[in-house]
Amino acid sequence: MKQMRKKIIIVIDNPSRDLAASILIARELAKDHCIYLCSTASLFYEIFRLNPDLVLLNYLRITHLSLIRKLIDCSIQYSVLDTEGGVFAKINEQESSYTKTIVTDARVRNHLLRYYAWGLNLQQELLKNKIYSAQQIRCLGTPRSDFYHLSFMSFYDCPKDSLASQSKQSVILINTSFSLINPKFTTAINEQKSLKEKLLNLHTV
């Protein structure tokens, strides 16, 4: 019997960082299912417009709680493929940044269909700390690293006549998660206000 096609939403948190990898996932899933790529900003509207069978979230944190509770009430399944923070997380430390973001609502965690971990260390820590069950966790890796595979490396190759290949200037890339001073999608003042509100509400959720 042929498997029934499902409607699946893949959440794109940061398009410049996550879109290409999400397209790889979508391409594979689209062989058997109907796939929709959705930005975080329009997620709430698109979920209840499309009424999907599954939502693949970019993370499961307290900022998503109200939305996820509505998904549960509507019998919409959800899984998580973390797009940031998973590699360096020390969740065995009580005051680590990752630990502070973990949802404590048992109902929300129990309804999670799958948590796709970046690596074995994170998978083992999640199991040891009983954050998720063995049935929920799968070690998948980060889809962005799939582009290191020979079959996908040409995706990022620059044409010989491109400006990037013509430039002889050295480039230094500083990779950081601290966007407070120079955020891409808002102003520094609004970013500071948003951070203050999150910190104030952290212990009231």
N, C-alpha and C. Protein backbone atom coordinates (compact mmCIF):
# COMPACT_ATOMS: atom_id res chain seq x y z
N MET A 1 0.84 -1.21 0.00
CA MET A 1 0.00 0.00 0.00
C MET A 1 0.87 1.26 0.00
N LYS A 2 0.59 2.19 -0.89
CA LYS A 2 1.39 3.39 -1.01
C LYS A 2 1.18 4.32 0.18
N GLN A 3 2.32 4.87 0.66
CA GLN A 3 2.27 5.77 1.81
C GLN A 3 1.53 7.06 1.46
N MET A 4 0.69 7.50 2.37
CA MET A 4 -0.08 8.72 2.16
C MET A 4 0.82 9.94 2.24
N ARG A 5 0.71 10.83 1.27
CA ARG A 5 1.53 12.05 1.27
C ARG A 5 1.09 12.98 2.40
N LYS A 6 2.06 13.46 3.13
CA LYS A 6 1.78 14.37 4.24
C LYS A 6 2.23 15.78 3.92
N LYS A 7 1.58 16.74 4.54
CA LYS A 7 2.00 18.14 4.42
C LYS A 7 2.98 18.45 5.56
N ILE A 8 4.18 18.87 5.19
CA ILE A 8 5.23 19.13 6.18
C ILE A 8 5.77 20.54 6.00
N ILE A 9 5.81 21.29 7.11
CA ILE A 9 6.40 22.63 7.10
C ILE A 9 7.81 22.55 7.69
N ILE A 10 8.78 23.09 6.96
CA ILE A 10 10.15 23.21 7.47
C ILE A 10 10.39 24.68 7.80
N VAL A 11 10.74 24.96 9.05
CA VAL A 11 10.90 26.34 9.51
C VAL A 11 12.30 26.85 9.17
N ILE A 12 12.35 28.02 8.51
CA ILE A 12 13.63 28.65 8.16
C ILE A 12 13.84 29.82 9.12
N ASP A 13 14.77 29.66 10.03
CA ASP A 13 15.03 30.71 11.03
C ASP A 13 15.83 31.86 10.43
N ASN A 14 16.97 31.54 9.82
CA ASN A 14 17.84 32.54 9.22
C ASN A 14 18.08 32.13 7.77
N PRO A 15 17.44 32.80 6.80
CA PRO A 15 17.52 32.35 5.40
C PRO A 15 18.94 32.24 4.87
N SER A 16 19.80 33.23 5.16
CA SER A 16 21.16 33.19 4.61
C SER A 16 21.95 32.03 5.19
N ARG A 17 21.60 31.58 6.37
CA ARG A 17 22.32 30.48 7.02
C ARG A 17 21.65 29.13 6.76
N ASP A 18 20.33 29.08 6.75
CA ASP A 18 19.60 27.81 6.81
C ASP A 18 18.87 27.41 5.52
N LEU A 19 18.69 28.35 4.59
CA LEU A 19 17.85 28.05 3.44
C LEU A 19 18.42 26.93 2.57
N ALA A 20 19.69 27.00 2.25
CA ALA A 20 20.29 26.00 1.36
C ALA A 20 20.17 24.59 1.94
N ALA A 21 20.49 24.45 3.23
CA ALA A 21 20.41 23.14 3.87
C ALA A 21 18.98 22.65 3.95
N SER A 22 18.05 23.57 4.19
CA SER A 22 16.64 23.19 4.26
C SER A 22 16.12 22.72 2.90
N ILE A 23 16.66 23.29 1.85
CA ILE A 23 16.28 22.86 0.50
C ILE A 23 16.73 21.42 0.25
N LEU A 24 17.90 21.06 0.77
CA LEU A 24 18.37 19.67 0.65
C LEU A 24 17.39 18.71 1.32
N ILE A 25 16.96 19.09 2.53
CA ILE A 25 15.99 18.25 3.25
C ILE A 25 14.68 18.19 2.48
N ALA A 26 14.22 19.36 2.03
CA ALA A 26 12.95 19.43 1.31
C ALA A 26 12.97 18.59 0.04
N ARG A 27 14.10 18.60 -0.64
CA ARG A 27 14.21 17.84 -1.89
C ARG A 27 14.01 16.34 -1.66
N GLU A 28 14.57 15.83 -0.57
CA GLU A 28 14.42 14.41 -0.26
C GLU A 28 13.00 14.09 0.20
N LEU A 29 12.47 14.93 1.09
CA LEU A 29 11.13 14.67 1.61
C LEU A 29 10.06 14.84 0.54
N ALA A 30 10.31 15.71 -0.44
CA ALA A 30 9.32 15.99 -1.49
C ALA A 30 9.08 14.79 -2.41
N LYS A 31 9.93 13.78 -2.32
CA LYS A 31 9.71 12.57 -3.12
C LYS A 31 8.45 11.84 -2.66
N ASP A 32 8.11 12.00 -1.38
CA ASP A 32 6.95 11.29 -0.84
C ASP A 32 5.91 12.20 -0.19
N HIS A 33 6.26 13.48 0.02
CA HIS A 33 5.36 14.36 0.76
C HIS A 33 5.30 15.75 0.14
N CYS A 34 4.34 16.55 0.60
CA CYS A 34 4.20 17.95 0.17
C CYS A 34 4.96 18.83 1.17
N ILE A 35 5.95 19.56 0.70
CA ILE A 35 6.84 20.29 1.60
C ILE A 35 6.66 21.80 1.41
N TYR A 36 6.63 22.50 2.54
CA TYR A 36 6.53 23.96 2.53
C TYR A 36 7.67 24.53 3.38
N LEU A 37 8.39 25.49 2.82
CA LEU A 37 9.43 26.20 3.56
C LEU A 37 8.83 27.49 4.10
N CYS A 38 9.01 27.72 5.39
CA CYS A 38 8.32 28.84 6.04
C CYS A 38 9.28 29.60 6.95
N SER A 39 9.26 30.91 6.87
CA SER A 39 10.08 31.73 7.76
C SER A 39 9.49 31.76 9.16
N THR A 40 10.34 32.03 10.14
CA THR A 40 9.87 32.12 11.52
C THR A 40 8.84 33.21 11.68
N ALA A 41 9.03 34.31 10.97
CA ALA A 41 8.14 35.46 11.10
C ALA A 41 6.70 35.14 10.69
N SER A 42 6.52 34.29 9.68
CA SER A 42 5.17 33.97 9.20
C SER A 42 4.69 32.59 9.64
N LEU A 43 5.41 31.98 10.57
CA LEU A 43 5.12 30.60 10.96
C LEU A 43 3.70 30.43 11.51
N PHE A 44 3.33 31.28 12.44
CA PHE A 44 2.02 31.14 13.08
C PHE A 44 0.90 31.17 12.04
N TYR A 45 0.96 32.16 11.14
CA TYR A 45 -0.08 32.30 10.12
C TYR A 45 -0.09 31.10 9.18
N GLU A 46 1.10 30.68 8.71
CA GLU A 46 1.17 29.59 7.72
C GLU A 46 0.74 28.25 8.29
N ILE A 47 1.03 28.01 9.56
CA ILE A 47 0.63 26.74 10.16
C ILE A 47 -0.88 26.58 10.12
N PHE A 48 -1.58 27.62 10.49
CA PHE A 48 -3.04 27.51 10.57
C PHE A 48 -3.73 27.82 9.25
N ARG A 49 -2.97 28.25 8.25
CA ARG A 49 -3.49 28.37 6.90
C ARG A 49 -3.34 27.04 6.16
N LEU A 50 -2.19 26.37 6.35
CA LEU A 50 -1.91 25.13 5.62
C LEU A 50 -2.42 23.88 6.34
N ASN A 51 -2.55 23.97 7.67
CA ASN A 51 -2.96 22.83 8.48
C ASN A 51 -2.11 21.60 8.15
N PRO A 52 -0.81 21.65 8.45
CA PRO A 52 0.10 20.55 8.08
C PRO A 52 -0.07 19.34 8.99
N ASP A 53 0.53 18.24 8.55
CA ASP A 53 0.57 17.04 9.39
C ASP A 53 1.75 17.10 10.36
N LEU A 54 2.81 17.80 9.95
CA LEU A 54 4.03 17.87 10.76
C LEU A 54 4.72 19.21 10.55
N VAL A 55 5.26 19.77 11.64
CA VAL A 55 6.07 20.98 11.57
C VAL A 55 7.47 20.63 12.06
N LEU A 56 8.48 20.88 11.21
CA LEU A 56 9.87 20.67 11.61
C LEU A 56 10.42 22.00 12.12
N LEU A 57 10.48 22.12 13.45
CA LEU A 57 10.89 23.37 14.09
C LEU A 57 12.40 23.52 14.08
N ASN A 58 12.85 24.79 14.12
CA ASN A 58 14.28 25.08 14.16
C ASN A 58 14.85 24.95 15.56
N TYR A 59 14.00 24.95 16.56
CA TYR A 59 14.40 24.64 17.94
C TYR A 59 13.16 24.49 18.80
N LEU A 60 13.34 23.96 19.99
CA LEU A 60 12.24 23.83 20.95
C LEU A 60 12.65 24.59 22.20
N ARG A 61 12.24 25.86 22.27
CA ARG A 61 12.60 26.72 23.38
C ARG A 61 11.35 27.38 23.95
N ILE A 62 11.54 28.07 25.06
CA ILE A 62 10.39 28.68 25.72
C ILE A 62 9.72 29.73 24.85
N THR A 63 10.46 30.30 23.89
CA THR A 63 9.86 31.30 23.01
C THR A 63 8.83 30.69 22.07
N HIS A 64 8.85 29.37 21.89
CA HIS A 64 7.89 28.68 21.02
C HIS A 64 6.73 28.07 21.79
N LEU A 65 6.71 28.22 23.10
CA LEU A 65 5.76 27.48 23.91
C LEU A 65 4.30 27.70 23.53
N SER A 66 3.90 28.95 23.39
CA SER A 66 2.49 29.23 23.10
C SER A 66 2.06 28.62 21.77
N LEU A 67 2.95 28.69 20.78
CA LEU A 67 2.66 28.11 19.47
C LEU A 67 2.56 26.59 19.55
N ILE A 68 3.49 25.97 20.25
CA ILE A 68 3.51 24.51 20.34
C ILE A 68 2.28 23.98 21.08
N ARG A 69 1.85 24.70 22.10
CA ARG A 69 0.64 24.27 22.82
C ARG A 69 -0.57 24.28 21.90
N LYS A 70 -0.59 25.23 20.97
CA LYS A 70 -1.69 25.28 20.00
C LYS A 70 -1.58 24.12 19.01
N LEU A 71 -0.34 23.75 18.64
CA LEU A 71 -0.15 22.60 17.76
C LEU A 71 -0.70 21.34 18.41
N ILE A 72 -0.41 21.18 19.69
CA ILE A 72 -0.90 20.00 20.43
C ILE A 72 -2.41 19.99 20.45
N ASP A 73 -3.00 21.14 20.73
CA ASP A 73 -4.47 21.23 20.78
C ASP A 73 -5.11 20.91 19.43
N CYS A 74 -4.37 21.20 18.35
CA CYS A 74 -4.88 20.95 17.00
C CYS A 74 -4.43 19.60 16.44
N SER A 75 -3.77 18.79 17.28
CA SER A 75 -3.28 17.46 16.88
C SER A 75 -2.33 17.52 15.70
N ILE A 76 -1.48 18.56 15.67
CA ILE A 76 -0.44 18.69 14.66
C ILE A 76 0.89 18.24 15.27
N GLN A 77 1.53 17.28 14.63
CA GLN A 77 2.80 16.77 15.15
C GLN A 77 3.93 17.76 14.88
N TYR A 78 4.97 17.68 15.71
CA TYR A 78 6.14 18.53 15.51
C TYR A 78 7.41 17.78 15.89
N SER A 79 8.47 18.08 15.15
CA SER A 79 9.80 17.57 15.42
C SER A 79 10.75 18.75 15.46
N VAL A 80 11.99 18.50 15.88
CA VAL A 80 12.97 19.58 16.02
C VAL A 80 14.29 19.19 15.36
N LEU A 81 14.78 20.09 14.51
CA LEU A 81 16.14 20.00 13.99
C LEU A 81 16.82 21.32 14.34
N ASP A 82 17.60 21.30 15.42
CA ASP A 82 18.24 22.53 15.89
C ASP A 82 19.11 23.14 14.80
N THR A 83 18.97 24.44 14.60
CA THR A 83 19.79 25.12 13.59
C THR A 83 20.93 25.90 14.21
N GLU A 84 21.01 25.93 15.54
CA GLU A 84 22.12 26.63 16.20
C GLU A 84 22.25 26.11 17.63
N GLY A 85 23.46 26.24 18.17
CA GLY A 85 23.65 25.96 19.59
C GLY A 85 23.92 24.54 19.98
N GLY A 86 23.64 23.57 19.09
CA GLY A 86 23.74 22.18 19.49
C GLY A 86 25.14 21.64 19.65
N VAL A 87 26.10 22.17 18.90
CA VAL A 87 27.43 21.60 18.89
C VAL A 87 28.17 21.86 20.19
N PHE A 88 28.07 23.09 20.71
CA PHE A 88 28.88 23.47 21.86
C PHE A 88 28.11 23.41 23.18
N ALA A 89 26.89 22.91 23.14
CA ALA A 89 26.05 22.89 24.35
C ALA A 89 26.63 21.97 25.41
N LYS A 90 26.69 22.47 26.65
CA LYS A 90 27.09 21.66 27.80
C LYS A 90 25.86 21.54 28.70
N ILE A 91 24.93 20.71 28.30
CA ILE A 91 23.65 20.69 28.99
C ILE A 91 23.72 20.01 30.34
N ASN A 92 24.88 19.39 30.65
CA ASN A 92 25.03 18.79 31.97
C ASN A 92 25.33 19.85 33.03
N GLU A 93 25.64 21.07 32.59
CA GLU A 93 25.89 22.16 33.52
C GLU A 93 24.59 22.93 33.74
N GLN A 94 24.21 23.08 34.99
CA GLN A 94 22.90 23.62 35.32
C GLN A 94 22.70 25.04 34.80
N GLU A 95 23.78 25.81 34.75
CA GLU A 95 23.65 27.21 34.36
C GLU A 95 24.11 27.47 32.93
N SER A 96 24.26 26.44 32.12
CA SER A 96 24.68 26.66 30.74
C SER A 96 23.58 27.34 29.96
N SER A 97 23.96 28.05 28.89
CA SER A 97 22.98 28.78 28.08
C SER A 97 21.98 27.82 27.44
N TYR A 98 22.42 26.63 27.09
CA TYR A 98 21.52 25.67 26.46
C TYR A 98 20.49 25.15 27.47
N THR A 99 20.96 24.87 28.68
CA THR A 99 20.07 24.38 29.72
C THR A 99 18.95 25.37 30.02
N LYS A 100 19.27 26.66 30.02
CA LYS A 100 18.29 27.69 30.35
C LYS A 100 17.18 27.78 29.31
N THR A 101 17.45 27.32 28.10
CA THR A 101 16.44 27.44 27.04
C THR A 101 15.57 26.19 26.92
N ILE A 102 15.94 25.11 27.59
CA ILE A 102 15.20 23.85 27.47
C ILE A 102 13.80 23.99 28.09
N VAL A 103 12.82 23.55 27.37
CA VAL A 103 11.43 23.61 27.83
C VAL A 103 11.22 22.61 28.96
N THR A 104 10.64 23.07 30.04
CA THR A 104 10.39 22.19 31.19
C THR A 104 8.97 21.61 31.19
N ASP A 105 8.10 22.13 30.32
CA ASP A 105 6.73 21.65 30.22
C ASP A 105 6.72 20.20 29.73
N ALA A 106 6.36 19.27 30.61
CA ALA A 106 6.39 17.84 30.27
C ALA A 106 5.45 17.52 29.12
N ARG A 107 4.32 18.18 29.07
CA ARG A 107 3.34 17.91 27.99
C ARG A 107 3.94 18.26 26.63
N VAL A 108 4.62 19.39 26.57
CA VAL A 108 5.24 19.83 25.32
C VAL A 108 6.36 18.87 24.90
N ARG A 109 7.19 18.47 25.85
CA ARG A 109 8.31 17.58 25.54
C ARG A 109 7.82 16.18 25.17
N ASN A 110 6.79 15.71 25.84
CA ASN A 110 6.28 14.36 25.56
C ASN A 110 5.61 14.26 24.20
N HIS A 111 5.05 15.37 23.71
CA HIS A 111 4.39 15.36 22.41
C HIS A 111 5.37 15.49 21.25
N LEU A 112 6.63 15.80 21.55
CA LEU A 112 7.63 15.92 20.50
C LEU A 112 7.81 14.58 19.79
N LEU A 113 7.68 14.57 18.47
CA LEU A 113 7.80 13.32 17.72
C LEU A 113 9.26 12.89 17.63
N ARG A 114 10.14 13.77 17.13
CA ARG A 114 11.56 13.47 17.01
C ARG A 114 12.40 14.71 17.35
N TYR A 115 13.53 14.45 18.00
CA TYR A 115 14.55 15.48 18.18
C TYR A 115 15.79 14.99 17.44
N TYR A 116 16.20 15.74 16.39
CA TYR A 116 17.34 15.35 15.58
C TYR A 116 18.59 16.05 16.10
N ALA A 117 19.44 15.30 16.78
CA ALA A 117 20.63 15.87 17.42
C ALA A 117 21.76 16.04 16.41
N TRP A 118 22.62 17.02 16.67
CA TRP A 118 23.74 17.29 15.78
C TRP A 118 24.83 16.23 15.88
N GLY A 119 24.99 15.65 17.07
CA GLY A 119 26.07 14.69 17.25
C GLY A 119 25.80 13.74 18.40
N LEU A 120 26.69 12.74 18.55
CA LEU A 120 26.50 11.72 19.57
C LEU A 120 26.62 12.28 20.98
N ASN A 121 27.51 13.27 21.17
CA ASN A 121 27.68 13.84 22.52
C ASN A 121 26.39 14.48 23.00
N LEU A 122 25.77 15.27 22.14
CA LEU A 122 24.52 15.93 22.52
C LEU A 122 23.42 14.88 22.73
N GLN A 123 23.37 13.88 21.86
CA GLN A 123 22.37 12.82 21.99
C GLN A 123 22.51 12.13 23.35
N GLN A 124 23.73 11.81 23.73
CA GLN A 124 23.97 11.12 25.00
C GLN A 124 23.62 11.99 26.20
N GLU A 125 23.93 13.29 26.11
CA GLU A 125 23.61 14.20 27.21
C GLU A 125 22.10 14.37 27.38
N LEU A 126 21.40 14.46 26.27
CA LEU A 126 19.94 14.58 26.32
C LEU A 126 19.30 13.34 26.94
N LEU A 127 19.84 12.19 26.61
CA LEU A 127 19.33 10.94 27.19
C LEU A 127 19.68 10.83 28.67
N LYS A 128 20.93 11.15 29.00
CA LYS A 128 21.39 11.03 30.39
C LYS A 128 20.62 11.94 31.32
N ASN A 129 20.30 13.14 30.83
CA ASN A 129 19.56 14.10 31.64
C ASN A 129 18.04 13.95 31.51
N LYS A 130 17.62 12.92 30.75
CA LYS A 130 16.21 12.60 30.58
C LYS A 130 15.40 13.78 30.03
N ILE A 131 16.04 14.51 29.10
CA ILE A 131 15.34 15.62 28.43
C ILE A 131 14.34 15.04 27.44
N TYR A 132 14.80 14.07 26.63
CA TYR A 132 13.92 13.35 25.70
C TYR A 132 14.20 11.86 25.83
N SER A 133 13.27 11.06 25.36
CA SER A 133 13.41 9.61 25.45
C SER A 133 14.23 9.08 24.27
N ALA A 134 14.68 7.83 24.39
CA ALA A 134 15.45 7.20 23.32
C ALA A 134 14.63 7.07 22.04
N GLN A 135 13.30 6.93 22.19
CA GLN A 135 12.43 6.83 21.01
C GLN A 135 12.31 8.15 20.27
N GLN A 136 12.54 9.26 20.99
CA GLN A 136 12.39 10.58 20.37
C GLN A 136 13.65 11.05 19.65
N ILE A 137 14.83 10.66 20.16
CA ILE A 137 16.08 11.23 19.66
C ILE A 137 16.66 10.42 18.51
N ARG A 138 17.10 11.13 17.49
CA ARG A 138 17.85 10.55 16.38
C ARG A 138 19.09 11.41 16.15
N CYS A 139 20.23 10.78 15.93
CA CYS A 139 21.45 11.52 15.64
C CYS A 139 21.54 11.71 14.13
N LEU A 140 21.36 12.96 13.69
CA LEU A 140 21.27 13.26 12.26
C LEU A 140 22.46 14.07 11.77
N GLY A 141 23.01 14.91 12.63
CA GLY A 141 24.02 15.86 12.19
C GLY A 141 23.37 17.13 11.71
N THR A 142 24.17 18.15 11.41
CA THR A 142 23.61 19.38 10.87
C THR A 142 23.57 19.31 9.35
N PRO A 143 22.43 19.58 8.73
CA PRO A 143 22.33 19.49 7.27
C PRO A 143 23.31 20.41 6.54
N ARG A 144 23.76 21.48 7.20
CA ARG A 144 24.71 22.39 6.53
C ARG A 144 26.02 21.68 6.21
N SER A 145 26.39 20.70 7.03
CA SER A 145 27.64 19.99 6.78
C SER A 145 27.52 19.03 5.59
N ASP A 146 26.30 18.78 5.11
CA ASP A 146 26.13 17.92 3.93
C ASP A 146 26.80 18.52 2.70
N PHE A 147 26.96 19.85 2.72
CA PHE A 147 27.57 20.50 1.56
C PHE A 147 29.07 20.21 1.45
N TYR A 148 29.64 19.58 2.47
CA TYR A 148 31.03 19.14 2.37
C TYR A 148 31.16 17.88 1.52
N HIS A 149 30.04 17.20 1.29
CA HIS A 149 30.07 16.00 0.47
C HIS A 149 30.36 16.38 -0.98
N LEU A 150 31.12 15.55 -1.66
CA LEU A 150 31.53 15.86 -3.03
C LEU A 150 30.36 16.10 -3.96
N SER A 151 29.25 15.42 -3.73
CA SER A 151 28.11 15.57 -4.62
C SER A 151 27.42 16.93 -4.49
N PHE A 152 27.71 17.66 -3.41
CA PHE A 152 27.06 18.95 -3.19
C PHE A 152 28.03 20.14 -3.19
N MET A 153 29.33 19.88 -3.20
CA MET A 153 30.31 20.96 -3.06
C MET A 153 30.22 22.00 -4.18
N SER A 154 29.80 21.57 -5.35
CA SER A 154 29.72 22.50 -6.49
C SER A 154 28.66 23.57 -6.28
N PHE A 155 27.75 23.34 -5.34
CA PHE A 155 26.69 24.31 -5.06
C PHE A 155 27.27 25.66 -4.67
N TYR A 156 28.40 25.64 -3.95
CA TYR A 156 29.01 26.87 -3.47
C TYR A 156 30.23 27.29 -4.28
N ASP A 157 30.53 26.59 -5.37
CA ASP A 157 31.66 27.00 -6.21
C ASP A 157 31.36 28.32 -6.90
N CYS A 158 32.34 29.23 -6.89
CA CYS A 158 32.17 30.54 -7.55
C CYS A 158 32.56 30.43 -9.01
N PRO A 159 31.76 31.00 -9.91
CA PRO A 159 32.15 31.04 -11.32
C PRO A 159 33.48 31.78 -11.50
N LYS A 160 34.25 31.38 -12.50
CA LYS A 160 35.59 31.97 -12.67
C LYS A 160 35.54 33.47 -12.92
N ASP A 161 34.47 33.95 -13.50
CA ASP A 161 34.38 35.38 -13.81
C ASP A 161 33.65 36.16 -12.74
N SER A 162 33.38 35.55 -11.57
CA SER A 162 32.65 36.24 -10.51
C SER A 162 33.55 37.24 -9.80
N LEU A 163 32.93 38.21 -9.14
CA LEU A 163 33.69 39.21 -8.39
C LEU A 163 34.48 38.56 -7.27
N ALA A 164 33.93 37.51 -6.68
CA ALA A 164 34.61 36.85 -5.57
C ALA A 164 35.93 36.23 -6.02
N SER A 165 35.92 35.64 -7.22
CA SER A 165 37.14 35.00 -7.70
C SER A 165 38.15 36.02 -8.21
N GLN A 166 37.68 37.20 -8.64
CA GLN A 166 38.57 38.24 -9.14
C GLN A 166 39.25 39.00 -8.01
N SER A 167 38.61 39.04 -6.86
CA SER A 167 39.16 39.81 -5.75
C SER A 167 40.39 39.12 -5.18
N LYS A 168 41.44 39.88 -4.93
CA LYS A 168 42.67 39.34 -4.35
C LYS A 168 42.82 39.74 -2.89
N GLN A 169 41.80 40.40 -2.36
CA GLN A 169 41.85 40.81 -0.96
C GLN A 169 41.61 39.63 -0.04
N SER A 170 42.37 39.60 1.06
CA SER A 170 42.15 38.57 2.07
C SER A 170 40.89 38.89 2.85
N VAL A 171 40.19 37.85 3.26
CA VAL A 171 38.95 38.03 4.00
C VAL A 171 39.06 37.31 5.33
N ILE A 172 38.70 38.00 6.41
CA ILE A 172 38.67 37.39 7.73
C ILE A 172 37.22 37.26 8.16
N LEU A 173 36.79 36.04 8.44
CA LEU A 173 35.43 35.78 8.89
C LEU A 173 35.43 35.59 10.40
N ILE A 174 34.68 36.43 11.09
CA ILE A 174 34.53 36.31 12.54
C ILE A 174 33.15 35.73 12.79
N ASN A 175 33.11 34.50 13.22
CA ASN A 175 31.85 33.78 13.39
C ASN A 175 31.42 33.86 14.85
N THR A 176 30.31 34.53 15.11
CA THR A 176 29.86 34.70 16.49
C THR A 176 28.34 34.70 16.54
N SER A 177 27.81 34.33 17.68
CA SER A 177 26.35 34.34 17.87
C SER A 177 25.87 35.61 18.54
N PHE A 178 26.78 36.56 18.78
CA PHE A 178 26.41 37.80 19.46
C PHE A 178 26.07 38.88 18.43
N SER A 179 24.79 38.96 18.12
CA SER A 179 24.33 39.93 17.10
C SER A 179 23.76 41.19 17.73
N LEU A 180 24.00 41.39 19.01
CA LEU A 180 23.38 42.50 19.73
C LEU A 180 23.80 43.86 19.17
N ILE A 181 25.05 43.99 18.81
CA ILE A 181 25.58 45.28 18.36
C ILE A 181 25.20 45.57 16.91
N ASN A 182 25.23 44.53 16.07
CA ASN A 182 24.98 44.74 14.65
C ASN A 182 24.04 43.66 14.11
N PRO A 183 22.78 43.66 14.57
CA PRO A 183 21.83 42.63 14.11
C PRO A 183 21.44 42.84 12.65
N LYS A 184 21.12 41.73 11.99
CA LYS A 184 20.81 41.79 10.56
C LYS A 184 19.36 42.17 10.28
N PHE A 185 18.43 41.70 11.14
CA PHE A 185 17.01 41.84 10.82
C PHE A 185 16.29 42.91 11.64
N THR A 186 17.01 43.64 12.48
CA THR A 186 16.39 44.68 13.29
C THR A 186 17.46 45.71 13.67
N THR A 187 17.11 46.66 14.54
CA THR A 187 18.10 47.64 15.00
C THR A 187 18.71 47.17 16.31
N ALA A 188 19.86 47.74 16.65
CA ALA A 188 20.54 47.37 17.89
C ALA A 188 19.67 47.69 19.11
N ILE A 189 18.95 48.82 19.06
CA ILE A 189 18.08 49.22 20.18
C ILE A 189 16.94 48.23 20.36
N ASN A 190 16.29 47.84 19.26
CA ASN A 190 15.20 46.87 19.35
C ASN A 190 15.70 45.50 19.80
N GLU A 191 16.91 45.14 19.37
CA GLU A 191 17.50 43.87 19.80
C GLU A 191 17.72 43.86 21.31
N GLN A 192 18.19 44.99 21.85
CA GLN A 192 18.42 45.10 23.28
C GLN A 192 17.09 45.03 24.05
N LYS A 193 16.08 45.71 23.54
CA LYS A 193 14.77 45.68 24.19
C LYS A 193 14.20 44.26 24.20
N SER A 194 14.33 43.57 23.06
CA SER A 194 13.81 42.21 22.97
C SER A 194 14.52 41.28 23.94
N LEU A 195 15.85 41.45 24.05
CA LEU A 195 16.63 40.61 24.96
C LEU A 195 16.22 40.85 26.41
N LYS A 196 16.01 42.11 26.78
CA LYS A 196 15.59 42.44 28.14
C LYS A 196 14.24 41.81 28.47
N GLU A 197 13.31 41.88 27.51
CA GLU A 197 11.97 41.30 27.72
C GLU A 197 12.06 39.78 27.90
N LYS A 198 12.91 39.12 27.11
CA LYS A 198 13.06 37.67 27.22
C LYS A 198 13.65 37.29 28.57
N LEU A 199 14.64 38.06 29.02
CA LEU A 199 15.28 37.75 30.30
C LEU A 199 14.31 37.99 31.48
N LEU A 200 13.50 39.04 31.35
CA LEU A 200 12.54 39.34 32.41
C LEU A 200 11.45 38.27 32.49
N ASN A 201 11.07 37.73 31.33
CA ASN A 201 9.99 36.74 31.29
C ASN A 201 10.49 35.31 31.41
N LEU A 202 11.81 35.12 31.48
CA LEU A 202 12.39 33.78 31.48
C LEU A 202 11.85 32.90 32.59
N HIS A 203 11.72 33.46 33.77
CA HIS A 203 11.30 32.66 34.92
C HIS A 203 9.79 32.74 35.21
N THR A 204 9.06 33.41 34.32
CA THR A 204 7.63 33.52 34.54
C THR A 204 6.83 32.61 33.61
N VAL A 205 7.54 31.94 32.66
CA VAL A 205 6.86 31.07 31.69
C VAL A 205 6.60 29.70 32.32
